[in-house]
Amino acid sequence: MSAPVKSPVGAHYGLRDWVAQRLTALVMILYTALWLVVLLWHGGLDYPQWKALWSGNAFRVATFVFMSALLWHAWIGMRNILMDYIKPFGIRIALQGAVIAVLVGYLGWTISLLWGGPAA
């Protein structure tokens, strides 16, 4: 009788992660294209144009969506790397927790920069 086949340790999220990485990358590409269009349209940005750009919520929301996509993209990559290469469970969970804490901190910092600052 043959022994049961063991599944190798690793992320194994497959298609779901592949699609999520492509969608988050697409959001980041679109945001970068938006910046290029704004810079080309205005021929650069001086302070009054910069201030006007950030005075409305549309650009702030676009920036928040970009940062959310960037952080989700980073989480998927880091989680997969940690699951593939860090075998001891306790160390892997600790590192994943640290990555989550840093990424949530970055998201909070993004929110505070976009909407928490003094209105100028």
PDB file of N, CA and C in Angstrom:
ATOM      1  N   MET A   1       0.834  -1.167   0.000  1.00  0.00           N
ATOM      2  CA  MET A   1       0.000   0.000   0.000  1.00  0.00           C
ATOM      3  C   MET A   1       0.889   1.243   0.000  1.00  0.00           C
ATOM      4  N   SER A   2       0.500   2.239  -0.789  1.00  0.00           N
ATOM      5  CA  SER A   2       1.319   3.448  -0.875  1.00  0.00           C
ATOM      6  C   SER A   2       0.942   4.435   0.227  1.00  0.00           C
ATOM      7  N   ALA A   3       1.920   5.243   0.592  1.00  0.00           N
ATOM      8  CA  ALA A   3       1.701   6.254   1.626  1.00  0.00           C
ATOM      9  C   ALA A   3       0.881   7.404   1.040  1.00  0.00           C
ATOM     10  N   PRO A   4       0.081   8.090   1.875  1.00  0.00           N
ATOM     11  CA  PRO A   4      -0.695   9.228   1.375  1.00  0.00           C
ATOM     12  C   PRO A   4       0.238  10.350   0.918  1.00  0.00           C
ATOM     13  N   VAL A   5      -0.181  11.043  -0.101  1.00  0.00           N
ATOM     14  CA  VAL A   5       0.609  12.144  -0.642  1.00  0.00           C
ATOM     15  C   VAL A   5       0.382  13.370   0.221  1.00  0.00           C
ATOM     16  N   LYS A   6       1.486  13.936   0.696  1.00  0.00           N
ATOM     17  CA  LYS A   6       1.392  15.143   1.507  1.00  0.00           C
ATOM     18  C   LYS A   6       1.467  16.365   0.614  1.00  0.00           C
ATOM     19  N   SER A   7       0.675  17.350   0.960  1.00  0.00           N
ATOM     20  CA  SER A   7       0.703  18.619   0.254  1.00  0.00           C
ATOM     21  C   SER A   7       1.898  19.428   0.757  1.00  0.00           C
ATOM     22  N   PRO A   8       2.656  20.050  -0.139  1.00  0.00           N
ATOM     23  CA  PRO A   8       3.786  20.864   0.318  1.00  0.00           C
ATOM     24  C   PRO A   8       3.284  22.116   1.036  1.00  0.00           C
ATOM     25  N   VAL A   9       4.121  22.628   1.930  1.00  0.00           N
ATOM     26  CA  VAL A   9       3.779  23.840   2.668  1.00  0.00           C
ATOM     27  C   VAL A   9       3.932  25.020   1.728  1.00  0.00           C
ATOM     28  N   GLY A  10       3.042  25.969   1.822  1.00  0.00           N
ATOM     29  CA  GLY A  10       3.148  27.170   1.004  1.00  0.00           C
ATOM     30  C   GLY A  10       1.833  27.919   0.977  1.00  0.00           C
ATOM     31  N   ALA A  11       1.793  28.962   0.212  1.00  0.00           N
ATOM     32  CA  ALA A  11       0.631  29.846   0.193  1.00  0.00           C
ATOM     33  C   ALA A  11      -0.583  29.167  -0.435  1.00  0.00           C
ATOM     34  N   HIS A  12      -0.456  28.616  -1.613  1.00  0.00           N
ATOM     35  CA  HIS A  12      -1.527  27.891  -2.301  1.00  0.00           C
ATOM     36  C   HIS A  12      -2.798  28.693  -2.499  1.00  0.00           C
ATOM     37  N   TYR A  13      -2.683  29.977  -2.751  1.00  0.00           N
ATOM     38  CA  TYR A  13      -3.880  30.769  -2.999  1.00  0.00           C
ATOM     39  C   TYR A  13      -4.162  30.877  -4.491  1.00  0.00           C
ATOM     40  N   GLY A  14      -3.172  30.568  -5.293  1.00  0.00           N
ATOM     41  CA  GLY A  14      -3.332  30.422  -6.728  1.00  0.00           C
ATOM     42  C   GLY A  14      -4.016  31.552  -7.454  1.00  0.00           C
ATOM     43  N   LEU A  15      -5.110  31.214  -8.112  1.00  0.00           N
ATOM     44  CA  LEU A  15      -5.802  32.133  -9.006  1.00  0.00           C
ATOM     45  C   LEU A  15      -6.281  33.386  -8.276  1.00  0.00           C
ATOM     46  N   ARG A  16      -6.794  33.234  -7.064  1.00  0.00           N
ATOM     47  CA  ARG A  16      -7.300  34.391  -6.309  1.00  0.00           C
ATOM     48  C   ARG A  16      -6.198  35.430  -6.106  1.00  0.00           C
ATOM     49  N   ASP A  17      -5.027  35.010  -5.697  1.00  0.00           N
ATOM     50  CA  ASP A  17      -3.919  35.948  -5.507  1.00  0.00           C
ATOM     51  C   ASP A  17      -3.438  36.522  -6.830  1.00  0.00           C
ATOM     52  N   TRP A  18      -3.397  35.699  -7.852  1.00  0.00           N
ATOM     53  CA  TRP A  18      -2.949  36.158  -9.163  1.00  0.00           C
ATOM     54  C   TRP A  18      -3.861  37.273  -9.660  1.00  0.00           C
ATOM     55  N   VAL A  19      -5.173  37.068  -9.558  1.00  0.00           N
ATOM     56  CA  VAL A  19      -6.140  38.079  -9.997  1.00  0.00           C
ATOM     57  C   VAL A  19      -6.031  39.328  -9.130  1.00  0.00           C
ATOM     58  N   ALA A  20      -5.934  39.164  -7.819  1.00  0.00           N
ATOM     59  CA  ALA A  20      -5.837  40.324  -6.922  1.00  0.00           C
ATOM     60  C   ALA A  20      -4.582  41.139  -7.218  1.00  0.00           C
ATOM     61  N   GLN A  21      -3.461  40.476  -7.474  1.00  0.00           N
ATOM     62  CA  GLN A  21      -2.227  41.199  -7.796  1.00  0.00           C
ATOM     63  C   GLN A  21      -2.369  41.978  -9.096  1.00  0.00           C
ATOM     64  N   ARG A  22      -3.041  41.396 -10.082  1.00  0.00           N
ATOM     65  CA  ARG A  22      -3.225  42.093 -11.365  1.00  0.00           C
ATOM     66  C   ARG A  22      -4.180  43.264 -11.217  1.00  0.00           C
ATOM     67  N   LEU A  23      -5.255  43.102 -10.447  1.00  0.00           N
ATOM     68  CA  LEU A  23      -6.208  44.199 -10.259  1.00  0.00           C
ATOM     69  C   LEU A  23      -5.584  45.353  -9.474  1.00  0.00           C
ATOM     70  N   THR A  24      -4.849  45.040  -8.422  1.00  0.00           N
ATOM     71  CA  THR A  24      -4.204  46.109  -7.660  1.00  0.00           C
ATOM     72  C   THR A  24      -3.138  46.803  -8.502  1.00  0.00           C
ATOM     73  N   ALA A  25      -2.425  46.041  -9.322  1.00  0.00           N
ATOM     74  CA  ALA A  25      -1.430  46.651 -10.210  1.00  0.00           C
ATOM     75  C   ALA A  25      -2.119  47.562 -11.233  1.00  0.00           C
ATOM     76  N   LEU A  26      -3.276  47.160 -11.731  1.00  0.00           N
ATOM     77  CA  LEU A  26      -4.022  47.979 -12.687  1.00  0.00           C
ATOM     78  C   LEU A  26      -4.458  49.289 -12.036  1.00  0.00           C
ATOM     79  N   VAL A  27      -4.931  49.237 -10.801  1.00  0.00           N
ATOM     80  CA  VAL A  27      -5.313  50.462 -10.084  1.00  0.00           C
ATOM     81  C   VAL A  27      -4.104  51.383  -9.956  1.00  0.00           C
ATOM     82  N   MET A  28      -2.944  50.825  -9.622  1.00  0.00           N
ATOM     83  CA  MET A  28      -1.736  51.646  -9.469  1.00  0.00           C
ATOM     84  C   MET A  28      -1.295  52.242 -10.805  1.00  0.00           C
ATOM     85  N   ILE A  29      -1.434  51.486 -11.887  1.00  0.00           N
ATOM     86  CA  ILE A  29      -1.085  52.003 -13.215  1.00  0.00           C
ATOM     87  C   ILE A  29      -2.023  53.138 -13.607  1.00  0.00           C
ATOM     88  N   LEU A  30      -3.325  52.970 -13.346  1.00  0.00           N
ATOM     89  CA  LEU A  30      -4.295  54.014 -13.685  1.00  0.00           C
ATOM     90  C   LEU A  30      -4.032  55.295 -12.894  1.00  0.00           C
ATOM     91  N   TYR A  31      -3.685  55.171 -11.623  1.00  0.00           N
ATOM     92  CA  TYR A  31      -3.377  56.345 -10.806  1.00  0.00           C
ATOM     93  C   TYR A  31      -2.121  57.041 -11.331  1.00  0.00           C
ATOM     94  N   THR A  32      -1.119  56.272 -11.683  1.00  0.00           N
ATOM     95  CA  THR A  32       0.101  56.854 -12.245  1.00  0.00           C
ATOM     96  C   THR A  32      -0.203  57.574 -13.559  1.00  0.00           C
ATOM     97  N   ALA A  33      -1.054  56.972 -14.390  1.00  0.00           N
ATOM     98  CA  ALA A  33      -1.463  57.617 -15.646  1.00  0.00           C
ATOM     99  C   ALA A  33      -2.215  58.917 -15.359  1.00  0.00           C
ATOM    100  N   LEU A  34      -3.056  58.916 -14.329  1.00  0.00           N
ATOM    101  CA  LEU A  34      -3.769  60.132 -13.932  1.00  0.00           C
ATOM    102  C   LEU A  34      -2.782  61.236 -13.590  1.00  0.00           C
ATOM    103  N   TRP A  35      -1.745  60.908 -12.831  1.00  0.00           N
ATOM    104  CA  TRP A  35      -0.722  61.898 -12.488  1.00  0.00           C
ATOM    105  C   TRP A  35      -0.015  62.424 -13.731  1.00  0.00           C
ATOM    106  N   LEU A  36       0.317  61.513 -14.645  1.00  0.00           N
ATOM    107  CA  LEU A  36       0.998  61.943 -15.875  1.00  0.00           C
ATOM    108  C   LEU A  36       0.116  62.876 -16.696  1.00  0.00           C
ATOM    109  N   VAL A  37      -1.172  62.558 -16.784  1.00  0.00           N
ATOM    110  CA  VAL A  37      -2.108  63.417 -17.515  1.00  0.00           C
ATOM    111  C   VAL A  37      -2.193  64.789 -16.860  1.00  0.00           C
ATOM    112  N   VAL A  38      -2.310  64.815 -15.536  1.00  0.00           N
ATOM    113  CA  VAL A  38      -2.393  66.096 -14.826  1.00  0.00           C
ATOM    114  C   VAL A  38      -1.132  66.911 -15.057  1.00  0.00           C
ATOM    115  N   LEU A  39       0.026  66.282 -14.961  1.00  0.00           N
ATOM    116  CA  LEU A  39       1.288  67.011 -15.150  1.00  0.00           C
ATOM    117  C   LEU A  39       1.451  67.494 -16.588  1.00  0.00           C
ATOM    118  N   LEU A  40       1.089  66.659 -17.547  1.00  0.00           N
ATOM    119  CA  LEU A  40       1.202  67.073 -18.947  1.00  0.00           C
ATOM    120  C   LEU A  40       0.171  68.150 -19.292  1.00  0.00           C
ATOM    121  N   TRP A  41      -1.027  68.039 -18.755  1.00  0.00           N
ATOM    122  CA  TRP A  41      -2.091  69.000 -19.035  1.00  0.00           C
ATOM    123  C   TRP A  41      -1.698  70.391 -18.546  1.00  0.00           C
ATOM    124  N   HIS A  42      -1.122  70.451 -17.355  1.00  0.00           N
ATOM    125  CA  HIS A  42      -0.746  71.737 -16.765  1.00  0.00           C
ATOM    126  C   HIS A  42       0.687  72.143 -17.085  1.00  0.00           C
ATOM    127  N   GLY A  43       1.460  71.272 -17.704  1.00  0.00           N
ATOM    128  CA  GLY A  43       2.855  71.582 -17.968  1.00  0.00           C
ATOM    129  C   GLY A  43       3.664  71.667 -16.688  1.00  0.00           C
ATOM    130  N   GLY A  44       3.316  70.845 -15.715  1.00  0.00           N
ATOM    131  CA  GLY A  44       3.925  70.892 -14.382  1.00  0.00           C
ATOM    132  C   GLY A  44       2.910  71.488 -13.424  1.00  0.00           C
ATOM    133  N   LEU A  45       3.254  71.502 -12.172  1.00  0.00           N
ATOM    134  CA  LEU A  45       2.342  72.061 -11.168  1.00  0.00           C
ATOM    135  C   LEU A  45       3.085  73.051 -10.288  1.00  0.00           C
ATOM    136  N   ASP A  46       2.526  74.249 -10.165  1.00  0.00           N
ATOM    137  CA  ASP A  46       3.052  75.175  -9.179  1.00  0.00           C
ATOM    138  C   ASP A  46       2.187  75.044  -7.921  1.00  0.00           C
ATOM    139  N   TYR A  47       2.531  75.797  -6.898  1.00  0.00           N
ATOM    140  CA  TYR A  47       1.844  75.631  -5.621  1.00  0.00           C
ATOM    141  C   TYR A  47       0.333  75.888  -5.705  1.00  0.00           C
ATOM    142  N   PRO A  48      -0.117  76.977  -6.350  1.00  0.00           N
ATOM    143  CA  PRO A  48      -1.576  77.182  -6.424  1.00  0.00           C
ATOM    144  C   PRO A  48      -2.307  76.039  -7.154  1.00  0.00           C
ATOM    145  N   GLN A  49      -1.706  75.502  -8.213  1.00  0.00           N
ATOM    146  CA  GLN A  49      -2.322  74.376  -8.920  1.00  0.00           C
ATOM    147  C   GLN A  49      -2.338  73.129  -8.039  1.00  0.00           C
ATOM    148  N   TRP A  50      -1.238  72.903  -7.344  1.00  0.00           N
ATOM    149  CA  TRP A  50      -1.140  71.767  -6.426  1.00  0.00           C
ATOM    150  C   TRP A  50      -2.208  71.870  -5.337  1.00  0.00           C
ATOM    151  N   LYS A  51      -2.348  73.044  -4.760  1.00  0.00           N
ATOM    152  CA  LYS A  51      -3.326  73.272  -3.709  1.00  0.00           C
ATOM    153  C   LYS A  51      -4.748  73.078  -4.248  1.00  0.00           C
ATOM    154  N   ALA A  52      -5.015  73.566  -5.446  1.00  0.00           N
ATOM    155  CA  ALA A  52      -6.340  73.403  -6.050  1.00  0.00           C
ATOM    156  C   ALA A  52      -6.629  71.928  -6.336  1.00  0.00           C
ATOM    157  N   LEU A  53      -5.617  71.206  -6.777  1.00  0.00           N
ATOM    158  CA  LEU A  53      -5.783  69.782  -7.072  1.00  0.00           C
ATOM    159  C   LEU A  53      -6.201  69.011  -5.818  1.00  0.00           C
ATOM    160  N   TRP A  54      -5.603  69.327  -4.692  1.00  0.00           N
ATOM    161  CA  TRP A  54      -5.877  68.609  -3.452  1.00  0.00           C
ATOM    162  C   TRP A  54      -7.029  69.201  -2.658  1.00  0.00           C
ATOM    163  N   SER A  55      -7.597  70.326  -3.099  1.00  0.00           N
ATOM    164  CA  SER A  55      -8.680  70.957  -2.332  1.00  0.00           C
ATOM    165  C   SER A  55      -9.984  70.171  -2.421  1.00  0.00           C
ATOM    166  N   GLY A  56     -10.209  69.492  -3.524  1.00  0.00           N
ATOM    167  CA  GLY A  56     -11.422  68.690  -3.672  1.00  0.00           C
ATOM    168  C   GLY A  56     -11.204  67.265  -3.193  1.00  0.00           C
ATOM    169  N   ASN A  57     -12.298  66.566  -2.997  1.00  0.00           N
ATOM    170  CA  ASN A  57     -12.192  65.192  -2.498  1.00  0.00           C
ATOM    171  C   ASN A  57     -11.883  64.171  -3.588  1.00  0.00           C
ATOM    172  N   ALA A  58     -12.092  64.511  -4.861  1.00  0.00           N
ATOM    173  CA  ALA A  58     -11.896  63.533  -5.933  1.00  0.00           C
ATOM    174  C   ALA A  58     -10.455  63.011  -5.959  1.00  0.00           C
ATOM    175  N   PHE A  59      -9.486  63.907  -5.900  1.00  0.00           N
ATOM    176  CA  PHE A  59      -8.094  63.472  -5.955  1.00  0.00           C
ATOM    177  C   PHE A  59      -7.689  62.766  -4.666  1.00  0.00           C
ATOM    178  N   ARG A  60      -8.263  63.178  -3.556  1.00  0.00           N
ATOM    179  CA  ARG A  60      -7.980  62.505  -2.290  1.00  0.00           C
ATOM    180  C   ARG A  60      -8.514  61.077  -2.309  1.00  0.00           C
ATOM    181  N   VAL A  61      -9.719  60.901  -2.829  1.00  0.00           N
ATOM    182  CA  VAL A  61     -10.293  59.550  -2.918  1.00  0.00           C
ATOM    183  C   VAL A  61      -9.456  58.693  -3.866  1.00  0.00           C
ATOM    184  N   ALA A  62      -9.056  59.261  -5.003  1.00  0.00           N
ATOM    185  CA  ALA A  62      -8.208  58.510  -5.946  1.00  0.00           C
ATOM    186  C   ALA A  62      -6.905  58.100  -5.283  1.00  0.00           C
ATOM    187  N   THR A  63      -6.328  58.977  -4.488  1.00  0.00           N
ATOM    188  CA  THR A  63      -5.083  58.667  -3.786  1.00  0.00           C
ATOM    189  C   THR A  63      -5.311  57.593  -2.733  1.00  0.00           C
ATOM    190  N   PHE A  64      -6.441  57.664  -2.025  1.00  0.00           N
ATOM    191  CA  PHE A  64      -6.757  56.643  -1.037  1.00  0.00           C
ATOM    192  C   PHE A  64      -6.940  55.276  -1.700  1.00  0.00           C
ATOM    193  N   VAL A  65      -7.616  55.246  -2.845  1.00  0.00           N
ATOM    194  CA  VAL A  65      -7.799  53.987  -3.575  1.00  0.00           C
ATOM    195  C   VAL A  65      -6.442  53.446  -4.019  1.00  0.00           C
ATOM    196  N   PHE A  66      -5.581  54.328  -4.517  1.00  0.00           N
ATOM    197  CA  PHE A  66      -4.231  53.917  -4.914  1.00  0.00           C
ATOM    198  C   PHE A  66      -3.466  53.315  -3.738  1.00  0.00           C
ATOM    199  N   MET A  67      -3.475  54.011  -2.596  1.00  0.00           N
ATOM    200  CA  MET A  67      -2.726  53.516  -1.434  1.00  0.00           C
ATOM    201  C   MET A  67      -3.309  52.205  -0.919  1.00  0.00           C
ATOM    202  N   SER A  68      -4.632  52.078  -0.936  1.00  0.00           N
ATOM    203  CA  SER A  68      -5.258  50.823  -0.516  1.00  0.00           C
ATOM    204  C   SER A  68      -4.829  49.682  -1.428  1.00  0.00           C
ATOM    205  N   ALA A  69      -4.806  49.942  -2.739  1.00  0.00           N
ATOM    206  CA  ALA A  69      -4.366  48.926  -3.699  1.00  0.00           C
ATOM    207  C   ALA A  69      -2.897  48.586  -3.480  1.00  0.00           C
ATOM    208  N   LEU A  70      -2.073  49.596  -3.259  1.00  0.00           N
ATOM    209  CA  LEU A  70      -0.647  49.370  -3.029  1.00  0.00           C
ATOM    210  C   LEU A  70      -0.428  48.511  -1.782  1.00  0.00           C
ATOM    211  N   LEU A  71      -1.137  48.815  -0.711  1.00  0.00           N
ATOM    212  CA  LEU A  71      -0.963  48.064   0.533  1.00  0.00           C
ATOM    213  C   LEU A  71      -1.507  46.649   0.407  1.00  0.00           C
ATOM    214  N   TRP A  72      -2.615  46.468  -0.296  1.00  0.00           N
ATOM    215  CA  TRP A  72      -3.150  45.114  -0.518  1.00  0.00           C
ATOM    216  C   TRP A  72      -2.174  44.307  -1.378  1.00  0.00           C
ATOM    217  N   HIS A  73      -1.625  44.942  -2.410  1.00  0.00           N
ATOM    218  CA  HIS A  73      -0.640  44.310  -3.290  1.00  0.00           C
ATOM    219  C   HIS A  73       0.574  43.855  -2.463  1.00  0.00           C
ATOM    220  N   ALA A  74       1.037  44.734  -1.582  1.00  0.00           N
ATOM    221  CA  ALA A  74       2.185  44.412  -0.733  1.00  0.00           C
ATOM    222  C   ALA A  74       1.854  43.270   0.221  1.00  0.00           C
ATOM    223  N   TRP A  75       0.643  43.274   0.780  1.00  0.00           N
ATOM    224  CA  TRP A  75       0.257  42.213   1.714  1.00  0.00           C
ATOM    225  C   TRP A  75       0.255  40.855   1.021  1.00  0.00           C
ATOM    226  N   ILE A  76      -0.325  40.773  -0.160  1.00  0.00           N
ATOM    227  CA  ILE A  76      -0.372  39.497  -0.879  1.00  0.00           C
ATOM    228  C   ILE A  76       1.041  38.979  -1.128  1.00  0.00           C
ATOM    229  N   GLY A  77       1.902  39.859  -1.599  1.00  0.00           N
ATOM    230  CA  GLY A  77       3.279  39.452  -1.865  1.00  0.00           C
ATOM    231  C   GLY A  77       4.009  39.017  -0.613  1.00  0.00           C
ATOM    232  N   MET A  78       3.909  39.806   0.439  1.00  0.00           N
ATOM    233  CA  MET A  78       4.614  39.462   1.687  1.00  0.00           C
ATOM    234  C   MET A  78       4.046  38.193   2.308  1.00  0.00           C
ATOM    235  N   ARG A  79       2.735  38.040   2.315  1.00  0.00           N
ATOM    236  CA  ARG A  79       2.127  36.830   2.888  1.00  0.00           C
ATOM    237  C   ARG A  79       2.614  35.594   2.145  1.00  0.00           C
ATOM    238  N   ASN A  80       2.637  35.666   0.824  1.00  0.00           N
ATOM    239  CA  ASN A  80       3.078  34.513   0.050  1.00  0.00           C
ATOM    240  C   ASN A  80       4.558  34.207   0.273  1.00  0.00           C
ATOM    241  N   ILE A  81       5.371  35.234   0.345  1.00  0.00           N
ATOM    242  CA  ILE A  81       6.796  35.021   0.615  1.00  0.00           C
ATOM    243  C   ILE A  81       6.983  34.375   1.985  1.00  0.00           C
ATOM    244  N   LEU A  82       6.301  34.917   2.990  1.00  0.00           N
ATOM    245  CA  LEU A  82       6.448  34.370   4.346  1.00  0.00           C
ATOM    246  C   LEU A  82       5.932  32.933   4.416  1.00  0.00           C
ATOM    247  N   MET A  83       4.809  32.654   3.756  1.00  0.00           N
ATOM    248  CA  MET A  83       4.259  31.298   3.806  1.00  0.00           C
ATOM    249  C   MET A  83       5.143  30.305   3.064  1.00  0.00           C
ATOM    250  N   ASP A  84       5.805  30.758   2.014  1.00  0.00           N
ATOM    251  CA  ASP A  84       6.654  29.859   1.235  1.00  0.00           C
ATOM    252  C   ASP A  84       8.013  29.612   1.875  1.00  0.00           C
ATOM    253  N   TYR A  85       8.568  30.611   2.579  1.00  0.00           N
ATOM    254  CA  TYR A  85       9.951  30.509   3.017  1.00  0.00           C
ATOM    255  C   TYR A  85      10.164  30.449   4.527  1.00  0.00           C
ATOM    256  N   ILE A  86       9.169  30.808   5.326  1.00  0.00           N
ATOM    257  CA  ILE A  86       9.320  30.744   6.786  1.00  0.00           C
ATOM    258  C   ILE A  86       8.507  29.550   7.271  1.00  0.00           C
ATOM    259  N   LYS A  87       9.184  28.458   7.579  1.00  0.00           N
ATOM    260  CA  LYS A  87       8.495  27.209   7.928  1.00  0.00           C
ATOM    261  C   LYS A  87       7.988  27.147   9.374  1.00  0.00           C
ATOM    262  N   PRO A  88       8.738  27.631  10.381  1.00  0.00           N
ATOM    263  CA  PRO A  88       8.215  27.552  11.752  1.00  0.00           C
ATOM    264  C   PRO A  88       6.956  28.428  11.900  1.00  0.00           C
ATOM    265  N   PHE A  89       5.878  27.807  12.318  1.00  0.00           N
ATOM    266  CA  PHE A  89       4.572  28.459  12.364  1.00  0.00           C
ATOM    267  C   PHE A  89       4.583  29.722  13.225  1.00  0.00           C
ATOM    268  N   GLY A  90       5.144  29.655  14.409  1.00  0.00           N
ATOM    269  CA  GLY A  90       5.138  30.799  15.321  1.00  0.00           C
ATOM    270  C   GLY A  90       5.872  32.005  14.762  1.00  0.00           C
ATOM    271  N   ILE A  91       7.021  31.752  14.158  1.00  0.00           N
ATOM    272  CA  ILE A  91       7.796  32.851  13.565  1.00  0.00           C
ATOM    273  C   ILE A  91       7.036  33.449  12.393  1.00  0.00           C
ATOM    274  N   ARG A  92       6.449  32.581  11.561  1.00  0.00           N
ATOM    275  CA  ARG A  92       5.703  33.055  10.390  1.00  0.00           C
ATOM    276  C   ARG A  92       4.512  33.919  10.814  1.00  0.00           C
ATOM    277  N   ILE A  93       3.758  33.468  11.823  1.00  0.00           N
ATOM    278  CA  ILE A  93       2.604  34.234  12.292  1.00  0.00           C
ATOM    279  C   ILE A  93       3.048  35.568  12.894  1.00  0.00           C
ATOM    280  N   ALA A  94       4.144  35.567  13.631  1.00  0.00           N
ATOM    281  CA  ALA A  94       4.660  36.809  14.215  1.00  0.00           C
ATOM    282  C   ALA A  94       5.061  37.798  13.120  1.00  0.00           C
ATOM    283  N   LEU A  95       5.748  37.295  12.104  1.00  0.00           N
ATOM    284  CA  LEU A  95       6.153  38.166  10.997  1.00  0.00           C
ATOM    285  C   LEU A  95       4.944  38.672  10.218  1.00  0.00           C
ATOM    286  N   GLN A  96       3.964  37.801  10.003  1.00  0.00           N
ATOM    287  CA  GLN A  96       2.752  38.246   9.302  1.00  0.00           C
ATOM    288  C   GLN A  96       2.022  39.306  10.125  1.00  0.00           C
ATOM    289  N   GLY A  97       1.968  39.124  11.426  1.00  0.00           N
ATOM    290  CA  GLY A  97       1.347  40.124  12.295  1.00  0.00           C
ATOM    291  C   GLY A  97       2.072  41.456  12.228  1.00  0.00           C
ATOM    292  N   ALA A  98       3.401  41.397  12.182  1.00  0.00           N
ATOM    293  CA  ALA A  98       4.190  42.628  12.078  1.00  0.00           C
ATOM    294  C   ALA A  98       3.920  43.328  10.745  1.00  0.00           C
ATOM    295  N   VAL A  99       3.852  42.563   9.667  1.00  0.00           N
ATOM    296  CA  VAL A  99       3.567  43.145   8.352  1.00  0.00           C
ATOM    297  C   VAL A  99       2.182  43.787   8.357  1.00  0.00           C
ATOM    298  N   ILE A 100       1.191  43.090   8.911  1.00  0.00           N
ATOM    299  CA  ILE A 100      -0.162  43.648   8.984  1.00  0.00           C
ATOM    300  C   ILE A 100      -0.166  44.943   9.783  1.00  0.00           C
ATOM    301  N   ALA A 101       0.529  44.953  10.918  1.00  0.00           N
ATOM    302  CA  ALA A 101       0.574  46.155  11.758  1.00  0.00           C
ATOM    303  C   ALA A 101       1.181  47.337  10.998  1.00  0.00           C
ATOM    304  N   VAL A 102       2.256  47.092  10.281  1.00  0.00           N
ATOM    305  CA  VAL A 102       2.897  48.161   9.511  1.00  0.00           C
ATOM    306  C   VAL A 102       1.966  48.652   8.408  1.00  0.00           C
ATOM    307  N   LEU A 103       1.334  47.731   7.674  1.00  0.00           N
ATOM    308  CA  LEU A 103       0.460  48.130   6.569  1.00  0.00           C
ATOM    309  C   LEU A 103      -0.776  48.882   7.064  1.00  0.00           C
ATOM    310  N   VAL A 104      -1.355  48.443   8.173  1.00  0.00           N
ATOM    311  CA  VAL A 104      -2.500  49.165   8.754  1.00  0.00           C
ATOM    312  C   VAL A 104      -2.046  50.547   9.234  1.00  0.00           C
ATOM    313  N   GLY A 105      -0.853  50.628   9.800  1.00  0.00           N
ATOM    314  CA  GLY A 105      -0.304  51.915  10.197  1.00  0.00           C
ATOM    315  C   GLY A 105      -0.142  52.846   9.008  1.00  0.00           C
ATOM    316  N   TYR A 106       0.355  52.326   7.899  1.00  0.00           N
ATOM    317  CA  TYR A 106       0.483  53.131   6.680  1.00  0.00           C
ATOM    318  C   TYR A 106      -0.879  53.604   6.185  1.00  0.00           C
ATOM    319  N   LEU A 107      -1.886  52.745   6.270  1.00  0.00           N
ATOM    320  CA  LEU A 107      -3.227  53.141   5.837  1.00  0.00           C
ATOM    321  C   LEU A 107      -3.762  54.253   6.743  1.00  0.00           C
ATOM    322  N   GLY A 108      -3.562  54.117   8.040  1.00  0.00           N
ATOM    323  CA  GLY A 108      -3.983  55.173   8.960  1.00  0.00           C
ATOM    324  C   GLY A 108      -3.255  56.476   8.693  1.00  0.00           C
ATOM    325  N   TRP A 109      -1.972  56.383   8.415  1.00  0.00           N
ATOM    326  CA  TRP A 109      -1.176  57.576   8.099  1.00  0.00           C
ATOM    327  C   TRP A 109      -1.701  58.226   6.824  1.00  0.00           C
ATOM    328  N   THR A 110      -2.046  57.413   5.833  1.00  0.00           N
ATOM    329  CA  THR A 110      -2.600  57.935   4.586  1.00  0.00           C
ATOM    330  C   THR A 110      -3.887  58.698   4.858  1.00  0.00           C
ATOM    331  N   ILE A 111      -4.770  58.115   5.661  1.00  0.00           N
ATOM    332  CA  ILE A 111      -6.036  58.775   5.978  1.00  0.00           C
ATOM    333  C   ILE A 111      -5.781  60.093   6.699  1.00  0.00           C
ATOM    334  N   SER A 112      -4.843  60.087   7.648  1.00  0.00           N
ATOM    335  CA  SER A 112      -4.571  61.322   8.387  1.00  0.00           C
ATOM    336  C   SER A 112      -3.977  62.397   7.479  1.00  0.00           C
ATOM    337  N   LEU A 113      -3.167  62.006   6.517  1.00  0.00           N
ATOM    338  CA  LEU A 113      -2.603  62.991   5.588  1.00  0.00           C
ATOM    339  C   LEU A 113      -3.657  63.528   4.633  1.00  0.00           C
ATOM    340  N   LEU A 114      -4.558  62.673   4.182  1.00  0.00           N
ATOM    341  CA  LEU A 114      -5.545  63.092   3.192  1.00  0.00           C
ATOM    342  C   LEU A 114      -6.704  63.888   3.800  1.00  0.00           C
ATOM    343  N   TRP A 115      -7.153  63.499   4.993  1.00  0.00           N
ATOM    344  CA  TRP A 115      -8.333  64.122   5.572  1.00  0.00           C
ATOM    345  C   TRP A 115      -8.154  64.636   6.987  1.00  0.00           C
ATOM    346  N   GLY A 116      -7.041  64.348   7.614  1.00  0.00           N
ATOM    347  CA  GLY A 116      -6.891  64.733   9.017  1.00  0.00           C
ATOM    348  C   GLY A 116      -6.142  66.016   9.253  1.00  0.00           C
ATOM    349  N   GLY A 117      -5.509  66.523   8.215  1.00  0.00           N
ATOM    350  CA  GLY A 117      -4.700  67.726   8.382  1.00  0.00           C
ATOM    351  C   GLY A 117      -5.547  68.984   8.481  1.00  0.00           C
ATOM    352  N   PRO A 118      -4.934  70.071   8.873  1.00  0.00           N
ATOM    353  CA  PRO A 118      -5.677  71.346   8.953  1.00  0.00           C
ATOM    354  C   PRO A 118      -6.085  71.808   7.564  1.00  0.00           C
ATOM    355  N   ALA A 119      -7.253  72.347   7.470  1.00  0.00           N
ATOM    356  CA  ALA A 119      -7.737  72.890   6.180  1.00  0.00           C
ATOM    357  C   ALA A 119      -6.991  74.188   5.902  1.00  0.00           C
ATOM    358  N   ALA A 120      -6.340  74.211   4.763  1.00  0.00           N
ATOM    359  CA  ALA A 120      -5.544  75.401   4.437  1.00  0.00           C
ATOM    360  C   ALA A 120      -6.240  76.233   3.392  1.00  0.00           C
TER     361      ALA A 120
END
